[in-house]
């Protein structure tokens, strides 16, 4: 499989894993399913994509994804602050991307601006039978 295909699968997997409806207030994200498809040449794997919209100042709760999920995230608009596992906190700008290894904890995912919205495309490569792709941490 070529790299663009793998990244696409990863983003899609993440997308549906996060596709739980967000709280209806300005401090949470809104997740919209974008794509889901079984990967025909990788038995048991699917590519899932979601679009994550952050209102100004909005953030996701700390979470992890399905143990099988490799995630590719791409900033579509605005600026997104992110921290995966114990890595550094970083602000990603339009056109920049990052990834999450299977089993990683996404400690911070938020709009870095209090005045402008931000949008992220998340693509997952995951086991096709994974049901809950995103689980909030307690």
N, C-alpha and C. Protein backbone atom coordinates (compact mmCIF):
# COMPACT_ATOMS: atom_id res chain seq x y z
N UNK A 1 0.85 -1.17 0.00
CA UNK A 1 0.00 0.00 0.00
C UNK A 1 0.89 1.23 0.00
N UNK A 2 0.54 2.24 -0.76
CA UNK A 2 1.36 3.44 -0.79
C UNK A 2 1.02 4.35 0.38
N UNK A 3 1.89 5.31 0.66
CA UNK A 3 1.73 6.18 1.83
C UNK A 3 0.45 7.00 1.78
N UNK A 4 0.09 7.63 0.64
CA UNK A 4 -1.16 8.40 0.64
C UNK A 4 -2.36 7.53 0.99
N UNK A 5 -2.37 6.26 0.54
CA UNK A 5 -3.49 5.39 0.86
C UNK A 5 -3.53 5.11 2.35
N UNK A 6 -2.38 4.86 2.96
CA UNK A 6 -2.33 4.58 4.39
C UNK A 6 -2.79 5.78 5.18
N UNK A 7 -2.36 6.98 4.78
CA UNK A 7 -2.75 8.18 5.50
C UNK A 7 -4.24 8.41 5.37
N UNK A 8 -4.76 8.16 4.21
CA UNK A 8 -6.18 8.33 4.01
C UNK A 8 -6.97 7.39 4.88
N UNK A 9 -6.51 6.15 4.97
CA UNK A 9 -7.18 5.17 5.80
C UNK A 9 -7.13 5.60 7.25
N UNK A 10 -5.98 6.08 7.68
CA UNK A 10 -5.83 6.51 9.06
C UNK A 10 -6.80 7.63 9.39
N UNK A 11 -6.88 8.60 8.54
CA UNK A 11 -7.75 9.75 8.81
C UNK A 11 -9.21 9.32 8.85
N UNK A 12 -9.57 8.46 7.96
CA UNK A 12 -10.95 8.02 7.93
C UNK A 12 -11.29 7.27 9.20
N UNK A 13 -10.40 6.43 9.64
CA UNK A 13 -10.65 5.67 10.85
C UNK A 13 -10.86 6.60 12.03
N UNK A 14 -10.04 7.60 12.14
CA UNK A 14 -10.17 8.56 13.23
C UNK A 14 -11.48 9.30 13.12
N UNK A 15 -11.83 9.62 11.93
CA UNK A 15 -13.02 10.40 11.71
C UNK A 15 -14.25 9.75 12.29
N UNK A 16 -14.47 8.50 12.04
CA UNK A 16 -15.66 7.85 12.55
C UNK A 16 -15.51 7.52 14.01
N UNK A 17 -14.30 7.36 14.46
CA UNK A 17 -14.08 7.09 15.86
C UNK A 17 -14.44 8.28 16.71
N UNK A 18 -14.35 9.44 16.16
CA UNK A 18 -14.65 10.66 16.89
C UNK A 18 -16.09 11.07 16.61
N UNK A 19 -16.78 10.35 15.77
CA UNK A 19 -18.07 10.80 15.27
C UNK A 19 -19.19 10.74 16.28
N UNK A 20 -18.86 10.92 17.52
CA UNK A 20 -19.87 11.01 18.55
C UNK A 20 -20.37 12.45 18.59
N UNK A 21 -21.65 12.67 18.69
CA UNK A 21 -22.13 14.05 18.71
C UNK A 21 -21.48 14.84 19.84
N UNK A 22 -21.10 16.05 19.56
CA UNK A 22 -20.46 16.90 20.56
C UNK A 22 -21.53 17.63 21.36
N UNK A 23 -21.11 18.12 22.49
CA UNK A 23 -22.02 18.89 23.33
C UNK A 23 -22.45 20.14 22.57
N UNK A 24 -23.63 20.61 22.85
CA UNK A 24 -24.18 21.75 22.11
C UNK A 24 -23.84 23.07 22.79
N UNK A 25 -22.57 23.30 23.01
CA UNK A 25 -22.13 24.59 23.53
C UNK A 25 -20.78 24.92 22.92
N UNK A 26 -20.35 26.15 23.07
CA UNK A 26 -19.17 26.62 22.38
C UNK A 26 -17.85 26.07 22.88
N UNK A 27 -17.83 25.29 23.95
CA UNK A 27 -16.56 24.80 24.48
C UNK A 27 -16.22 23.40 24.00
N UNK A 28 -17.06 22.80 23.19
CA UNK A 28 -16.80 21.45 22.67
C UNK A 28 -16.66 21.49 21.15
N UNK A 29 -16.13 20.41 20.63
CA UNK A 29 -15.98 20.30 19.18
C UNK A 29 -17.25 19.73 18.56
N UNK A 30 -17.37 19.89 17.25
CA UNK A 30 -18.44 19.26 16.48
C UNK A 30 -17.76 18.32 15.50
N UNK A 31 -18.14 17.05 15.53
CA UNK A 31 -17.51 16.04 14.68
C UNK A 31 -18.51 15.57 13.64
N UNK A 32 -18.09 15.63 12.37
CA UNK A 32 -18.96 15.24 11.26
C UNK A 32 -18.30 14.12 10.47
N UNK A 33 -18.96 12.95 10.39
CA UNK A 33 -18.39 11.87 9.57
C UNK A 33 -18.22 12.34 8.12
N UNK A 34 -17.11 11.94 7.50
CA UNK A 34 -16.80 12.38 6.15
C UNK A 34 -16.66 11.22 5.18
N UNK A 35 -16.09 10.10 5.64
CA UNK A 35 -15.78 8.98 4.74
C UNK A 35 -15.60 7.72 5.56
N UNK A 36 -16.04 6.58 5.00
CA UNK A 36 -15.81 5.28 5.63
C UNK A 36 -15.79 4.24 4.52
N UNK A 37 -14.72 3.43 4.50
CA UNK A 37 -14.64 2.40 3.47
C UNK A 37 -13.71 1.29 3.94
N UNK A 38 -14.11 0.07 3.67
CA UNK A 38 -13.26 -1.08 3.93
C UNK A 38 -12.09 -1.00 2.95
N UNK A 39 -10.89 -1.31 3.42
CA UNK A 39 -9.71 -1.30 2.55
C UNK A 39 -9.61 -2.69 1.91
N UNK A 40 -9.87 -2.80 0.61
CA UNK A 40 -9.96 -4.12 -0.01
C UNK A 40 -8.66 -4.92 -0.01
N UNK A 41 -7.53 -4.27 -0.03
CA UNK A 41 -6.27 -5.02 -0.09
C UNK A 41 -5.60 -5.18 1.28
N UNK A 42 -6.29 -4.79 2.34
CA UNK A 42 -5.81 -5.02 3.70
C UNK A 42 -6.96 -5.65 4.49
N UNK A 43 -7.04 -6.97 4.49
CA UNK A 43 -8.17 -7.65 5.15
C UNK A 43 -8.37 -7.19 6.60
N UNK A 44 -9.63 -6.90 6.94
CA UNK A 44 -9.98 -6.52 8.30
C UNK A 44 -9.74 -5.07 8.65
N UNK A 45 -9.30 -4.25 7.70
CA UNK A 45 -9.00 -2.84 7.98
C UNK A 45 -9.94 -1.91 7.21
N UNK A 46 -10.23 -0.76 7.83
CA UNK A 46 -11.07 0.26 7.21
C UNK A 46 -10.39 1.61 7.31
N UNK A 47 -10.77 2.49 6.37
CA UNK A 47 -10.33 3.88 6.36
C UNK A 47 -11.54 4.72 6.72
N UNK A 48 -11.38 5.57 7.72
CA UNK A 48 -12.48 6.41 8.19
C UNK A 48 -11.97 7.84 8.32
N UNK A 49 -12.77 8.80 7.89
CA UNK A 49 -12.39 10.21 8.03
C UNK A 49 -13.52 10.98 8.69
N UNK A 50 -13.13 11.95 9.53
CA UNK A 50 -14.10 12.85 10.15
C UNK A 50 -13.55 14.27 10.08
N UNK A 51 -14.46 15.22 10.07
CA UNK A 51 -14.09 16.63 10.15
C UNK A 51 -14.44 17.10 11.56
N UNK A 52 -13.46 17.71 12.22
CA UNK A 52 -13.65 18.21 13.58
C UNK A 52 -13.63 19.74 13.52
N UNK A 53 -14.77 20.34 13.85
CA UNK A 53 -14.88 21.80 13.86
C UNK A 53 -14.81 22.29 15.31
N UNK A 54 -13.95 23.28 15.53
CA UNK A 54 -13.81 23.90 16.84
C UNK A 54 -14.26 25.35 16.75
N UNK A 55 -15.22 25.72 17.57
CA UNK A 55 -15.59 27.12 17.71
C UNK A 55 -14.42 27.85 18.39
N UNK A 56 -14.40 29.16 18.35
CA UNK A 56 -13.34 29.87 19.06
C UNK A 56 -13.26 29.42 20.53
N UNK A 57 -12.05 29.06 20.96
CA UNK A 57 -11.84 28.63 22.34
C UNK A 57 -12.29 27.21 22.67
N UNK A 58 -12.85 26.47 21.72
CA UNK A 58 -13.38 25.13 21.98
C UNK A 58 -12.26 24.10 22.08
N UNK A 59 -12.55 23.01 22.80
CA UNK A 59 -11.57 21.95 23.00
C UNK A 59 -12.26 20.60 23.10
N UNK A 60 -11.53 19.55 22.76
CA UNK A 60 -11.97 18.18 22.98
C UNK A 60 -11.51 17.77 24.37
N UNK A 61 -12.22 16.85 25.00
CA UNK A 61 -11.73 16.29 26.26
C UNK A 61 -10.59 15.34 25.94
N UNK A 62 -9.70 15.12 26.90
CA UNK A 62 -8.62 14.15 26.71
C UNK A 62 -9.26 12.81 26.37
N UNK A 63 -8.65 12.09 25.41
CA UNK A 63 -9.26 10.86 24.93
C UNK A 63 -8.21 9.91 24.35
N UNK A 64 -8.63 8.68 24.15
CA UNK A 64 -7.82 7.73 23.38
C UNK A 64 -8.72 7.11 22.34
N UNK A 65 -8.08 6.46 21.40
CA UNK A 65 -8.81 5.85 20.30
C UNK A 65 -8.69 4.34 20.36
N UNK A 66 -9.43 3.66 19.51
CA UNK A 66 -9.36 2.20 19.45
C UNK A 66 -7.90 1.77 19.38
N UNK A 67 -7.59 0.68 20.05
CA UNK A 67 -6.20 0.20 20.13
C UNK A 67 -5.59 -0.06 18.76
N UNK A 68 -6.42 -0.31 17.75
CA UNK A 68 -5.91 -0.60 16.41
C UNK A 68 -5.71 0.65 15.56
N UNK A 69 -6.19 1.81 16.02
CA UNK A 69 -6.27 3.00 15.18
C UNK A 69 -4.96 3.75 15.03
N UNK A 70 -4.54 3.93 13.77
CA UNK A 70 -3.47 4.86 13.42
C UNK A 70 -4.20 6.07 12.86
N UNK A 71 -3.83 7.26 13.32
CA UNK A 71 -4.57 8.46 12.96
C UNK A 71 -3.65 9.50 12.34
N UNK A 72 -4.11 10.08 11.24
CA UNK A 72 -3.45 11.19 10.57
C UNK A 72 -4.39 12.37 10.69
N UNK A 73 -3.89 13.50 11.17
CA UNK A 73 -4.72 14.69 11.34
C UNK A 73 -4.13 15.85 10.54
N UNK A 74 -5.01 16.58 9.84
CA UNK A 74 -4.60 17.68 8.95
C UNK A 74 -5.41 18.92 9.30
N UNK A 75 -4.73 20.04 9.54
CA UNK A 75 -5.41 21.29 9.88
C UNK A 75 -5.92 21.94 8.60
N UNK A 76 -7.24 22.02 8.48
CA UNK A 76 -7.90 22.58 7.31
C UNK A 76 -7.99 24.11 7.42
N UNK A 77 -8.31 24.60 8.63
CA UNK A 77 -8.38 26.05 8.84
C UNK A 77 -8.09 26.36 10.30
N UNK A 78 -7.63 27.57 10.54
CA UNK A 78 -7.34 28.00 11.90
C UNK A 78 -6.05 27.40 12.43
N UNK A 79 -5.96 27.34 13.75
CA UNK A 79 -4.78 26.84 14.45
C UNK A 79 -5.24 25.89 15.54
N UNK A 80 -4.63 24.71 15.58
CA UNK A 80 -5.01 23.67 16.53
C UNK A 80 -3.84 23.38 17.46
N UNK A 81 -4.09 23.45 18.77
CA UNK A 81 -3.07 23.04 19.74
C UNK A 81 -3.31 21.57 20.06
N UNK A 82 -2.23 20.80 20.07
CA UNK A 82 -2.34 19.37 20.29
C UNK A 82 -1.19 18.86 21.15
N UNK A 83 -1.48 17.83 21.94
CA UNK A 83 -0.46 17.08 22.65
C UNK A 83 -0.87 15.63 22.64
N UNK A 84 0.01 14.78 22.13
CA UNK A 84 -0.24 13.34 22.07
C UNK A 84 0.74 12.66 23.02
N UNK A 85 0.21 11.79 23.88
CA UNK A 85 1.00 11.12 24.93
C UNK A 85 1.75 12.18 25.74
N UNK A 86 3.02 11.93 26.01
CA UNK A 86 3.81 12.89 26.78
C UNK A 86 4.68 13.76 25.89
N UNK A 87 4.34 13.80 24.59
CA UNK A 87 5.07 14.65 23.65
C UNK A 87 4.83 16.11 23.95
N UNK A 88 5.52 16.98 23.25
CA UNK A 88 5.37 18.42 23.49
C UNK A 88 4.01 18.94 23.03
N UNK A 89 3.53 19.98 23.70
CA UNK A 89 2.34 20.70 23.22
C UNK A 89 2.82 21.50 22.02
N UNK A 90 1.98 21.49 20.98
CA UNK A 90 2.37 22.23 19.78
C UNK A 90 1.14 22.81 19.11
N UNK A 91 1.30 23.98 18.51
CA UNK A 91 0.22 24.58 17.73
C UNK A 91 0.50 24.29 16.26
N UNK A 92 -0.48 23.67 15.60
CA UNK A 92 -0.40 23.35 14.17
C UNK A 92 -1.25 24.36 13.41
N UNK A 93 -0.71 24.82 12.30
CA UNK A 93 -1.36 25.85 11.49
C UNK A 93 -1.91 25.22 10.20
N UNK A 94 -2.70 25.98 9.45
CA UNK A 94 -3.29 25.51 8.20
C UNK A 94 -2.24 24.80 7.35
N UNK A 95 -2.58 23.61 6.88
CA UNK A 95 -1.69 22.84 6.01
C UNK A 95 -0.72 21.93 6.75
N UNK A 96 -0.63 22.06 8.07
CA UNK A 96 0.26 21.18 8.83
C UNK A 96 -0.51 19.96 9.31
N UNK A 97 0.23 18.92 9.66
CA UNK A 97 -0.40 17.67 10.08
C UNK A 97 0.40 17.00 11.18
N UNK A 98 -0.25 16.04 11.83
CA UNK A 98 0.39 15.22 12.86
C UNK A 98 -0.27 13.86 12.84
N UNK A 99 0.28 12.93 13.62
CA UNK A 99 -0.30 11.58 13.66
C UNK A 99 -0.35 11.10 15.10
N UNK A 100 -1.17 10.07 15.29
CA UNK A 100 -1.26 9.39 16.58
C UNK A 100 -1.06 7.91 16.33
N UNK A 101 -0.13 7.32 17.07
CA UNK A 101 0.12 5.88 16.99
C UNK A 101 -1.03 5.13 17.66
N UNK A 102 -1.23 3.86 17.30
CA UNK A 102 -2.25 3.06 18.00
C UNK A 102 -1.99 3.07 19.51
N UNK A 103 -3.05 3.26 20.28
CA UNK A 103 -2.95 3.25 21.74
C UNK A 103 -2.53 4.58 22.36
N UNK A 104 -2.28 5.60 21.54
CA UNK A 104 -1.83 6.90 22.07
C UNK A 104 -2.96 7.59 22.83
N UNK A 105 -2.57 8.46 23.75
CA UNK A 105 -3.53 9.29 24.48
C UNK A 105 -3.42 10.71 23.91
N UNK A 106 -4.55 11.25 23.47
CA UNK A 106 -4.59 12.62 22.94
C UNK A 106 -4.98 13.51 24.11
N UNK A 107 -3.98 14.07 24.77
CA UNK A 107 -4.17 14.84 25.99
C UNK A 107 -4.78 16.22 25.72
N UNK A 108 -4.34 16.87 24.65
CA UNK A 108 -4.84 18.20 24.32
C UNK A 108 -5.21 18.24 22.83
N UNK A 109 -6.39 18.72 22.54
CA UNK A 109 -6.82 18.98 21.16
C UNK A 109 -7.80 20.13 21.26
N UNK A 110 -7.35 21.32 20.83
CA UNK A 110 -8.20 22.50 21.01
C UNK A 110 -7.89 23.57 19.98
N UNK A 111 -8.86 24.45 19.81
CA UNK A 111 -8.67 25.62 18.97
C UNK A 111 -7.72 26.56 19.72
N UNK A 112 -6.62 26.94 19.10
CA UNK A 112 -5.65 27.82 19.75
C UNK A 112 -6.11 29.28 19.78
N UNK A 113 -7.21 29.57 19.11
CA UNK A 113 -7.71 30.95 19.05
C UNK A 113 -9.01 31.10 19.84
N UNK A 114 -9.14 32.21 20.52
CA UNK A 114 -10.40 32.52 21.21
C UNK A 114 -11.32 33.38 20.34
N UNK A 115 -10.85 33.72 19.13
CA UNK A 115 -11.66 34.61 18.29
C UNK A 115 -12.00 34.04 16.91
N UNK A 116 -11.30 32.99 16.46
CA UNK A 116 -11.56 32.43 15.13
C UNK A 116 -11.82 30.92 15.23
N UNK A 117 -12.69 30.37 14.40
CA UNK A 117 -12.92 28.93 14.39
C UNK A 117 -11.72 28.18 13.79
N UNK A 118 -11.68 26.87 14.01
CA UNK A 118 -10.63 26.01 13.45
C UNK A 118 -11.26 24.70 13.00
N UNK A 119 -10.61 24.06 12.02
CA UNK A 119 -11.15 22.81 11.47
C UNK A 119 -10.01 21.83 11.24
N UNK A 120 -10.27 20.57 11.58
CA UNK A 120 -9.29 19.49 11.47
C UNK A 120 -9.91 18.32 10.72
N UNK A 121 -9.17 17.73 9.79
CA UNK A 121 -9.59 16.48 9.16
C UNK A 121 -8.82 15.36 9.82
N UNK A 122 -9.52 14.39 10.38
CA UNK A 122 -8.88 13.25 11.04
C UNK A 122 -9.17 11.99 10.23
N UNK A 123 -8.12 11.28 9.87
CA UNK A 123 -8.25 10.05 9.08
C UNK A 123 -7.69 8.89 9.88
N UNK A 124 -8.49 7.84 9.99
CA UNK A 124 -8.11 6.66 10.76
C UNK A 124 -7.90 5.46 9.85
N UNK A 125 -6.91 4.65 10.19
CA UNK A 125 -6.81 3.29 9.67
C UNK A 125 -7.05 2.44 10.90
N UNK A 126 -8.07 1.60 10.85
CA UNK A 126 -8.46 0.86 12.04
C UNK A 126 -9.02 -0.50 11.67
N UNK A 127 -9.14 -1.36 12.67
CA UNK A 127 -9.80 -2.65 12.46
C UNK A 127 -11.25 -2.37 12.08
N UNK A 128 -11.74 -3.05 11.07
CA UNK A 128 -13.11 -2.82 10.58
C UNK A 128 -14.17 -3.09 11.63
N UNK A 129 -13.89 -3.99 12.58
CA UNK A 129 -14.91 -4.33 13.58
C UNK A 129 -14.84 -3.46 14.84
N UNK A 130 -13.92 -2.49 14.89
CA UNK A 130 -13.89 -1.57 16.04
C UNK A 130 -15.17 -0.74 16.03
N UNK A 131 -15.83 -0.68 17.16
CA UNK A 131 -17.09 0.08 17.25
C UNK A 131 -16.84 1.48 17.81
N UNK A 132 -16.26 1.57 18.99
CA UNK A 132 -15.99 2.86 19.61
C UNK A 132 -14.56 3.26 19.27
N UNK A 133 -14.43 4.24 18.41
CA UNK A 133 -13.09 4.65 18.01
C UNK A 133 -12.51 5.73 18.92
N UNK A 134 -13.34 6.42 19.68
CA UNK A 134 -12.88 7.44 20.60
C UNK A 134 -13.51 7.22 21.97
N UNK A 135 -12.66 7.23 23.00
CA UNK A 135 -13.14 7.05 24.37
C UNK A 135 -12.58 8.18 25.23
N UNK A 136 -13.46 8.99 25.84
CA UNK A 136 -12.97 10.06 26.72
C UNK A 136 -12.26 9.46 27.93
N UNK A 137 -11.22 10.14 28.40
CA UNK A 137 -10.51 9.70 29.61
C UNK A 137 -11.22 10.29 30.82
N UNK A 138 -11.20 9.55 31.91
CA UNK A 138 -11.85 10.00 33.14
C UNK A 138 -10.86 10.63 34.06
